């Protein structure tokens, strides 16, 4: 089924990078604003492996939805993984008990807190995992997620330059649009076919030896596999993003 995708952030640099990168994808709505104002089925929040919602966008969402959302998230991580450890490249959809959003999708961009993930493919893994969680939720309950909103992943605490963040999220979006997978392992294999080495499971995944963030082919919206040299690091601030 078609799922409406909204990219939302209060950081104008992130929004500008998305508008440039997604210029051939008019079906994607790009908004400068707050996640709390998005009337969608699911909000995506970057977090860490422990599901702690104590900073950035996570804390904003917890204040809005109530403290029970964090305990429900952590209980679901333990139920699915046997311990409080949600690996990068995995995500969980937690019911909120509200009409909008019906679900909070938690996807870690890092293992701990305040890690520099700028030399990794974690943004692509986290974004693809969030979209995979949408597919899996809709497979379990058809039509339960018809729209989803995502912030800039890793562009604040993770220190990922907004241009690279936008490119990696674009790659994950196109994988979501073109393919569905049975589980996160199959999704990871497909993403690795595009980006190269994603690093070991459950750690900050270093980028491949070529330093490759894929160069986006314009204007065609198909996923490109051609690597390019990484952009220089910039200290962009994204106050709507914990991870």
C-alpha atoms as a PDB file:
ATOM      1  CA  UNK A   1       0.000   0.000   0.000  1.00  0.00           C
ATOM      2  CA  UNK A   2       1.051   3.600  -0.497  1.00  0.00           C
ATOM      3  CA  UNK A   3       2.291   5.332   2.637  1.00  0.00           C
ATOM      4  CA  UNK A   4       2.516   9.119   2.757  1.00  0.00           C
ATOM      5  CA  UNK A   5       5.944  10.280   3.948  1.00  0.00           C
ATOM      6  CA  UNK A   6       6.625  13.600   5.663  1.00  0.00           C
ATOM      7  CA  UNK A   7      10.111  14.865   6.492  1.00  0.00           C
ATOM      8  CA  UNK A   8       9.954  17.425   9.288  1.00  0.00           C
ATOM      9  CA  UNK A   9      12.552  19.367  11.227  1.00  0.00           C
ATOM     10  CA  UNK A  10      12.936  22.741  12.890  1.00  0.00           C
ATOM     11  CA  UNK A  11      16.458  23.108  11.505  1.00  0.00           C
ATOM     12  CA  UNK A  12      16.242  25.154   8.258  1.00  0.00           C
ATOM     13  CA  UNK A  13      19.537  23.672   7.017  1.00  0.00           C
ATOM     14  CA  UNK A  14      18.112  20.163   7.266  1.00  0.00           C
ATOM     15  CA  UNK A  15      14.944  21.222   5.462  1.00  0.00           C
ATOM     16  CA  UNK A  16      16.942  22.887   2.694  1.00  0.00           C
ATOM     17  CA  UNK A  17      19.084  19.767   2.235  1.00  0.00           C
ATOM     18  CA  UNK A  18      15.975  17.592   1.952  1.00  0.00           C
ATOM     19  CA  UNK A  19      14.394  19.900  -0.601  1.00  0.00           C
ATOM     20  CA  UNK A  20      17.489  19.683  -2.768  1.00  0.00           C
ATOM     21  CA  UNK A  21      17.918  15.926  -2.400  1.00  0.00           C
ATOM     22  CA  UNK A  22      14.237  15.000  -2.772  1.00  0.00           C
ATOM     23  CA  UNK A  23      13.508  17.463  -5.596  1.00  0.00           C
ATOM     24  CA  UNK A  24      12.524  14.597  -7.915  1.00  0.00           C
ATOM     25  CA  UNK A  25      10.195  13.119  -5.264  1.00  0.00           C
ATOM     26  CA  UNK A  26       7.220  15.495  -5.066  1.00  0.00           C
ATOM     27  CA  UNK A  27       5.221  12.814  -3.253  1.00  0.00           C
ATOM     28  CA  UNK A  28       7.390  13.413  -0.169  1.00  0.00           C
ATOM     29  CA  UNK A  29       6.171  16.320   1.959  1.00  0.00           C
ATOM     30  CA  UNK A  30       8.950  18.424   3.471  1.00  0.00           C
ATOM     31  CA  UNK A  31       8.038  20.627   6.424  1.00  0.00           C
ATOM     32  CA  UNK A  32       9.916  23.111   8.592  1.00  0.00           C
ATOM     33  CA  UNK A  33       8.229  22.668  11.920  1.00  0.00           C
ATOM     34  CA  UNK A  34       7.655  20.392  14.898  1.00  0.00           C
ATOM     35  CA  UNK A  35       7.034  16.656  14.847  1.00  0.00           C
ATOM     36  CA  UNK A  36       4.193  17.258  17.327  1.00  0.00           C
ATOM     37  CA  UNK A  37       2.255  19.162  14.659  1.00  0.00           C
ATOM     38  CA  UNK A  38       2.261  16.321  12.114  1.00  0.00           C
ATOM     39  CA  UNK A  39      -1.161  14.585  11.789  1.00  0.00           C
ATOM     40  CA  UNK A  40       0.154  11.199  10.661  1.00  0.00           C
ATOM     41  CA  UNK A  41      -0.243   7.565  11.680  1.00  0.00           C
ATOM     42  CA  UNK A  42       3.294   7.240  13.044  1.00  0.00           C
ATOM     43  CA  UNK A  43       6.046   9.487  14.325  1.00  0.00           C
ATOM     44  CA  UNK A  44       9.637   8.302  13.970  1.00  0.00           C
ATOM     45  CA  UNK A  45      12.039   9.155  16.761  1.00  0.00           C
ATOM     46  CA  UNK A  46      15.793   8.514  16.751  1.00  0.00           C
ATOM     47  CA  UNK A  47      16.943   6.977  20.003  1.00  0.00           C
ATOM     48  CA  UNK A  48      19.689   4.781  21.401  1.00  0.00           C
ATOM     49  CA  UNK A  49      19.852   1.036  21.922  1.00  0.00           C
ATOM     50  CA  UNK A  50      18.340   1.276  25.423  1.00  0.00           C
ATOM     51  CA  UNK A  51      15.225   3.097  24.246  1.00  0.00           C
ATOM     52  CA  UNK A  52      15.959   5.981  26.612  1.00  0.00           C
ATOM     53  CA  UNK A  53      13.788   8.998  25.824  1.00  0.00           C
ATOM     54  CA  UNK A  54      15.636  11.537  27.941  1.00  0.00           C
ATOM     55  CA  UNK A  55      16.881  14.102  25.445  1.00  0.00           C
ATOM     56  CA  UNK A  56      16.125  16.007  22.254  1.00  0.00           C
ATOM     57  CA  UNK A  57      13.136  14.923  20.189  1.00  0.00           C
ATOM     58  CA  UNK A  58      12.663  11.795  22.323  1.00  0.00           C
ATOM     59  CA  UNK A  59      12.130  13.926  25.426  1.00  0.00           C
ATOM     60  CA  UNK A  60       9.736  16.240  23.568  1.00  0.00           C
ATOM     61  CA  UNK A  61       7.668  13.267  22.413  1.00  0.00           C
ATOM     62  CA  UNK A  62       7.692  11.681  25.882  1.00  0.00           C
ATOM     63  CA  UNK A  63       6.389  14.905  27.428  1.00  0.00           C
ATOM     64  CA  UNK A  64       3.638  15.016  24.804  1.00  0.00           C
ATOM     65  CA  UNK A  65       2.590  11.349  24.922  1.00  0.00           C
ATOM     66  CA  UNK A  66       3.300  10.761  28.608  1.00  0.00           C
ATOM     67  CA  UNK A  67       6.037   8.825  30.440  1.00  0.00           C
ATOM     68  CA  UNK A  68       4.332   5.510  29.742  1.00  0.00           C
ATOM     69  CA  UNK A  69       5.527   5.602  26.140  1.00  0.00           C
ATOM     70  CA  UNK A  70       9.141   5.103  27.264  1.00  0.00           C
ATOM     71  CA  UNK A  71       8.343   2.168  29.556  1.00  0.00           C
ATOM     72  CA  UNK A  72       6.210   0.586  26.805  1.00  0.00           C
ATOM     73  CA  UNK A  73       9.055   1.045  24.316  1.00  0.00           C
ATOM     74  CA  UNK A  74      11.613  -0.539  26.629  1.00  0.00           C
ATOM     75  CA  UNK A  75       9.268  -3.416  27.450  1.00  0.00           C
ATOM     76  CA  UNK A  76       8.800  -4.117  23.758  1.00  0.00           C
ATOM     77  CA  UNK A  77      12.573  -4.064  23.139  1.00  0.00           C
ATOM     78  CA  UNK A  78      13.063  -6.623  25.924  1.00  0.00           C
ATOM     79  CA  UNK A  79      10.167  -8.734  24.641  1.00  0.00           C
ATOM     80  CA  UNK A  80      11.537  -8.834  21.088  1.00  0.00           C
ATOM     81  CA  UNK A  81      15.289  -8.971  21.749  1.00  0.00           C
ATOM     82  CA  UNK A  82      15.526 -10.593  25.184  1.00  0.00           C
ATOM     83  CA  UNK A  83      17.401  -7.625  26.639  1.00  0.00           C
ATOM     84  CA  UNK A  84      17.364  -3.847  26.589  1.00  0.00           C
ATOM     85  CA  UNK A  85      19.354  -3.563  23.383  1.00  0.00           C
ATOM     86  CA  UNK A  86      17.751  -2.433  20.121  1.00  0.00           C
ATOM     87  CA  UNK A  87      20.479  -2.753  17.472  1.00  0.00           C
ATOM     88  CA  UNK A  88      21.132  -0.051  14.903  1.00  0.00           C
ATOM     89  CA  UNK A  89      19.290  -1.232  11.799  1.00  0.00           C
ATOM     90  CA  UNK A  90      16.250  -2.402  13.779  1.00  0.00           C
ATOM     91  CA  UNK A  91      13.163  -0.486  14.897  1.00  0.00           C
ATOM     92  CA  UNK A  92       9.991  -1.066  16.889  1.00  0.00           C
ATOM     93  CA  UNK A  93       6.510   0.386  16.478  1.00  0.00           C
ATOM     94  CA  UNK A  94       4.896   1.105  19.843  1.00  0.00           C
ATOM     95  CA  UNK A  95       1.147   1.856  20.136  1.00  0.00           C
ATOM     96  CA  UNK A  96       0.528   5.278  21.659  1.00  0.00           C
ATOM     97  CA  UNK A  97      -3.109   4.838  22.642  1.00  0.00           C
ATOM     98  CA  UNK A  98      -3.962   7.937  20.604  1.00  0.00           C
ATOM     99  CA  UNK A  99      -5.650   8.474  17.269  1.00  0.00           C
ATOM    100  CA  UNK A 100      -2.705  10.495  15.912  1.00  0.00           C
ATOM    101  CA  UNK A 101      -0.134   9.228  16.001  1.00  0.00           C
ATOM    102  CA  UNK A 102      -1.259   5.650  16.519  1.00  0.00           C
ATOM    103  CA  UNK A 103       2.360   4.513  16.724  1.00  0.00           C
ATOM    104  CA  UNK A 104       5.763   5.754  17.775  1.00  0.00           C
ATOM    105  CA  UNK A 105       8.508   4.132  15.717  1.00  0.00           C
ATOM    106  CA  UNK A 106      11.772   4.106  17.621  1.00  0.00           C
ATOM    107  CA  UNK A 107      14.907   3.563  15.531  1.00  0.00           C
ATOM    108  CA  UNK A 108      18.379   3.889  17.066  1.00  0.00           C
ATOM    109  CA  UNK A 109      21.002   5.894  15.219  1.00  0.00           C
ATOM    110  CA  UNK A 110      23.675   4.951  17.764  1.00  0.00           C
ATOM    111  CA  UNK A 111      24.375   2.401  20.485  1.00  0.00           C
ATOM    112  CA  UNK A 112      24.907   4.767  23.394  1.00  0.00           C
ATOM    113  CA  UNK A 113      24.279   8.473  23.689  1.00  0.00           C
ATOM    114  CA  UNK A 114      26.105  11.390  22.036  1.00  0.00           C
ATOM    115  CA  UNK A 115      28.165   9.246  19.652  1.00  0.00           C
ATOM    116  CA  UNK A 116      29.762  10.751  16.560  1.00  0.00           C
ATOM    117  CA  UNK A 117      28.266   8.675  13.733  1.00  0.00           C
ATOM    118  CA  UNK A 118      29.364  10.976  10.907  1.00  0.00           C
ATOM    119  CA  UNK A 119      31.813   8.358   9.581  1.00  0.00           C
ATOM    120  CA  UNK A 120      29.169   5.651   9.334  1.00  0.00           C
ATOM    121  CA  UNK A 121      26.092   4.516   7.444  1.00  0.00           C
ATOM    122  CA  UNK A 122      23.949   4.541  10.590  1.00  0.00           C
ATOM    123  CA  UNK A 123      21.587   7.188   9.234  1.00  0.00           C
ATOM    124  CA  UNK A 124      20.692   4.937   6.287  1.00  0.00           C
ATOM    125  CA  UNK A 125      20.334   1.925   8.595  1.00  0.00           C
ATOM    126  CA  UNK A 126      18.114   3.801  11.039  1.00  0.00           C
ATOM    127  CA  UNK A 127      15.945   5.310   8.320  1.00  0.00           C
ATOM    128  CA  UNK A 128      15.562   2.036   6.427  1.00  0.00           C
ATOM    129  CA  UNK A 129      14.720   0.274   9.700  1.00  0.00           C
ATOM    130  CA  UNK A 130      11.994   2.818  10.459  1.00  0.00           C
ATOM    131  CA  UNK A 131      10.465   2.225   7.041  1.00  0.00           C
ATOM    132  CA  UNK A 132      10.815  -1.547   7.506  1.00  0.00           C
ATOM    133  CA  UNK A 133       8.889  -1.207  10.773  1.00  0.00           C
ATOM    134  CA  UNK A 134       6.113   0.493   8.781  1.00  0.00           C
ATOM    135  CA  UNK A 135       6.027  -2.425   6.320  1.00  0.00           C
ATOM    136  CA  UNK A 136       5.962  -4.972   9.147  1.00  0.00           C
ATOM    137  CA  UNK A 137       3.229  -3.164  11.068  1.00  0.00           C
ATOM    138  CA  UNK A 138       1.085  -2.958   7.949  1.00  0.00           C
ATOM    139  CA  UNK A 139       1.724  -6.633   7.243  1.00  0.00           C
ATOM    140  CA  UNK A 140       0.520  -7.500  10.752  1.00  0.00           C
ATOM    141  CA  UNK A 141      -2.395  -5.063  10.674  1.00  0.00           C
ATOM    142  CA  UNK A 142      -3.178  -3.894   7.106  1.00  0.00           C
ATOM    143  CA  UNK A 143      -3.722  -0.174   6.787  1.00  0.00           C
ATOM    144  CA  UNK A 144      -2.641   0.637  10.326  1.00  0.00           C
ATOM    145  CA  UNK A 145       0.126   3.003   9.159  1.00  0.00           C
ATOM    146  CA  UNK A 146      -0.956   5.127   6.215  1.00  0.00           C
ATOM    147  CA  UNK A 147       1.380   8.049   6.865  1.00  0.00           C
ATOM    148  CA  UNK A 148       4.671   8.544   8.681  1.00  0.00           C
ATOM    149  CA  UNK A 149       6.774  11.541   9.701  1.00  0.00           C
ATOM    150  CA  UNK A 150      10.557  11.440  10.143  1.00  0.00           C
ATOM    151  CA  UNK A 151      13.033  14.031  11.458  1.00  0.00           C
ATOM    152  CA  UNK A 152      16.619  14.532  10.336  1.00  0.00           C
ATOM    153  CA  UNK A 153      18.348  11.432  11.706  1.00  0.00           C
ATOM    154  CA  UNK A 154      21.792  11.875  13.231  1.00  0.00           C
ATOM    155  CA  UNK A 155      22.198  15.497  12.151  1.00  0.00           C
ATOM    156  CA  UNK A 156      22.514  16.886  15.671  1.00  0.00           C
ATOM    157  CA  UNK A 157      24.062  14.666  18.338  1.00  0.00           C
ATOM    158  CA  UNK A 158      25.378  12.282  15.701  1.00  0.00           C
ATOM    159  CA  UNK A 159      27.233  15.138  13.950  1.00  0.00           C
ATOM    160  CA  UNK A 160      26.221  13.977  10.463  1.00  0.00           C
ATOM    161  CA  UNK A 161      26.302  16.877   7.956  1.00  0.00           C
ATOM    162  CA  UNK A 162      22.803  17.668   6.748  1.00  0.00           C
ATOM    163  CA  UNK A 163      23.669  17.011   3.072  1.00  0.00           C
ATOM    164  CA  UNK A 164      24.917  13.509   3.869  1.00  0.00           C
ATOM    165  CA  UNK A 165      21.946  12.896   6.166  1.00  0.00           C
ATOM    166  CA  UNK A 166      19.583  13.859   3.338  1.00  0.00           C
ATOM    167  CA  UNK A 167      21.359  11.599   0.819  1.00  0.00           C
ATOM    168  CA  UNK A 168      21.308   8.584   3.153  1.00  0.00           C
ATOM    169  CA  UNK A 169      17.648   9.118   4.030  1.00  0.00           C
ATOM    170  CA  UNK A 170      16.885   9.407   0.302  1.00  0.00           C
ATOM    171  CA  UNK A 171      18.551   6.036  -0.294  1.00  0.00           C
ATOM    172  CA  UNK A 172      16.524   4.443   2.511  1.00  0.00           C
ATOM    173  CA  UNK A 173      13.297   6.027   1.223  1.00  0.00           C
ATOM    174  CA  UNK A 174      13.768   4.646  -2.270  1.00  0.00           C
ATOM    175  CA  UNK A 175      14.484   1.189  -0.883  1.00  0.00           C
ATOM    176  CA  UNK A 176      11.220   1.460   1.085  1.00  0.00           C
ATOM    177  CA  UNK A 177       9.310   2.620  -1.990  1.00  0.00           C
ATOM    178  CA  UNK A 178      10.628  -0.112  -4.256  1.00  0.00           C
ATOM    179  CA  UNK A 179      10.891  -3.218  -2.035  1.00  0.00           C
ATOM    180  CA  UNK A 180       9.446  -4.971   1.000  1.00  0.00           C
ATOM    181  CA  UNK A 181      11.314  -7.429   3.228  1.00  0.00           C
ATOM    182  CA  UNK A 182      10.331 -10.149   5.667  1.00  0.00           C
ATOM    183  CA  UNK A 183      12.692  -8.938   8.366  1.00  0.00           C
ATOM    184  CA  UNK A 184      15.442  -6.472   9.244  1.00  0.00           C
ATOM    185  CA  UNK A 185      18.185  -8.895   8.205  1.00  0.00           C
ATOM    186  CA  UNK A 186      16.960  -9.036   4.613  1.00  0.00           C
ATOM    187  CA  UNK A 187      16.589  -5.250   4.619  1.00  0.00           C
ATOM    188  CA  UNK A 188      20.184  -4.850   5.792  1.00  0.00           C
ATOM    189  CA  UNK A 189      21.483  -7.125   3.029  1.00  0.00           C
ATOM    190  CA  UNK A 190      19.654  -5.065   0.387  1.00  0.00           C
ATOM    191  CA  UNK A 191      20.944  -1.807   1.846  1.00  0.00           C
ATOM    192  CA  UNK A 192      24.472  -3.183   1.949  1.00  0.00           C
ATOM    193  CA  UNK A 193      24.201  -4.055  -1.743  1.00  0.00           C
ATOM    194  CA  UNK A 194      23.665  -0.335  -2.362  1.00  0.00           C
ATOM    195  CA  UNK A 195      26.040   1.259   0.142  1.00  0.00           C
ATOM    196  CA  UNK A 196      28.739  -1.310   0.718  1.00  0.00           C
ATOM    197  CA  UNK A 197      29.998  -2.342   4.158  1.00  0.00           C
ATOM    198  CA  UNK A 198      27.596  -1.192   6.888  1.00  0.00           C
ATOM    199  CA  UNK A 199      29.801  -2.288   9.771  1.00  0.00           C
ATOM    200  CA  UNK A 200      29.154  -5.020  12.354  1.00  0.00           C
ATOM    201  CA  UNK A 201      25.672  -5.465  13.782  1.00  0.00           C
ATOM    202  CA  UNK A 202      24.886  -3.501  16.905  1.00  0.00           C
ATOM    203  CA  UNK A 203      27.822  -1.098  16.646  1.00  0.00           C
ATOM    204  CA  UNK A 204      28.548   2.223  15.038  1.00  0.00           C
ATOM    205  CA  UNK A 205      28.943   1.003  11.457  1.00  0.00           C
ATOM    206  CA  UNK A 206      31.905   2.554   9.694  1.00  0.00           C
ATOM    207  CA  UNK A 207      31.509   3.426   6.068  1.00  0.00           C
ATOM    208  CA  UNK A 208      33.233   1.422   3.377  1.00  0.00           C
ATOM    209  CA  UNK A 209      36.851   1.953   2.416  1.00  0.00           C
ATOM    210  CA  UNK A 210      35.806   4.123  -0.481  1.00  0.00           C
ATOM    211  CA  UNK A 211      34.289   6.560   2.019  1.00  0.00           C
ATOM    212  CA  UNK A 212      31.087   6.199   0.063  1.00  0.00           C
ATOM    213  CA  UNK A 213      27.908   8.036   0.612  1.00  0.00           C
ATOM    214  CA  UNK A 214      26.074   7.202  -2.633  1.00  0.00           C
ATOM    215  CA  UNK A 215      25.828   9.983  -5.164  1.00  0.00           C
ATOM    216  CA  UNK A 216      22.192  10.568  -6.017  1.00  0.00           C
ATOM    217  CA  UNK A 217      21.295  10.387  -9.684  1.00  0.00           C
ATOM    218  CA  UNK A 218      19.072  13.303 -10.682  1.00  0.00           C
ATOM    219  CA  UNK A 219      16.348  13.721 -11.678  1.00  0.00           C
ATOM    220  CA  UNK A 220      15.515  10.003 -11.785  1.00  0.00           C
ATOM    221  CA  UNK A 221      14.298   8.820  -8.363  1.00  0.00           C
ATOM    222  CA  UNK A 222      15.810   5.318  -8.601  1.00  0.00           C
ATOM    223  CA  UNK A 223      18.421   4.294  -6.045  1.00  0.00           C
ATOM    224  CA  UNK A 224      21.948   5.030  -7.237  1.00  0.00           C
ATOM    225  CA  UNK A 225      24.887   2.822  -6.293  1.00  0.00           C
ATOM    226  CA  UNK A 226      27.776   5.023  -7.404  1.00  0.00           C
ATOM    227  CA  UNK A 227      29.947   6.067  -4.428  1.00  0.00           C
ATOM    228  CA  UNK A 228      31.360   9.537  -4.000  1.00  0.00           C
ATOM    229  CA  UNK A 229      33.803  11.194  -1.634  1.00  0.00           C
ATOM    230  CA  UNK A 230      32.171  12.160   1.672  1.00  0.00           C
ATOM    231  CA  UNK A 231      31.340  15.791   2.242  1.00  0.00           C
ATOM    232  CA  UNK A 232      33.450  17.623   4.861  1.00  0.00           C
ATOM    233  CA  UNK A 233      32.039  17.575   8.370  1.00  0.00           C
ATOM    234  CA  UNK A 234      30.038  20.578   9.468  1.00  0.00           C
ATOM    235  CA  UNK A 235      28.655  21.411  12.880  1.00  0.00           C
ATOM    236  CA  UNK A 236      25.013  21.713  11.872  1.00  0.00           C
ATOM    237  CA  UNK A 237      22.524  22.028  14.686  1.00  0.00           C
ATOM    238  CA  UNK A 238      19.219  20.209  14.643  1.00  0.00           C
ATOM    239  CA  UNK A 239      17.381  20.833  17.874  1.00  0.00           C
ATOM    240  CA  UNK A 240      14.510  18.524  16.848  1.00  0.00           C
ATOM    241  CA  UNK A 241      16.798  15.483  16.715  1.00  0.00           C
ATOM    242  CA  UNK A 242      18.177  13.468  19.649  1.00  0.00           C
ATOM    243  CA  UNK A 243      20.095  10.888  17.555  1.00  0.00           C
END
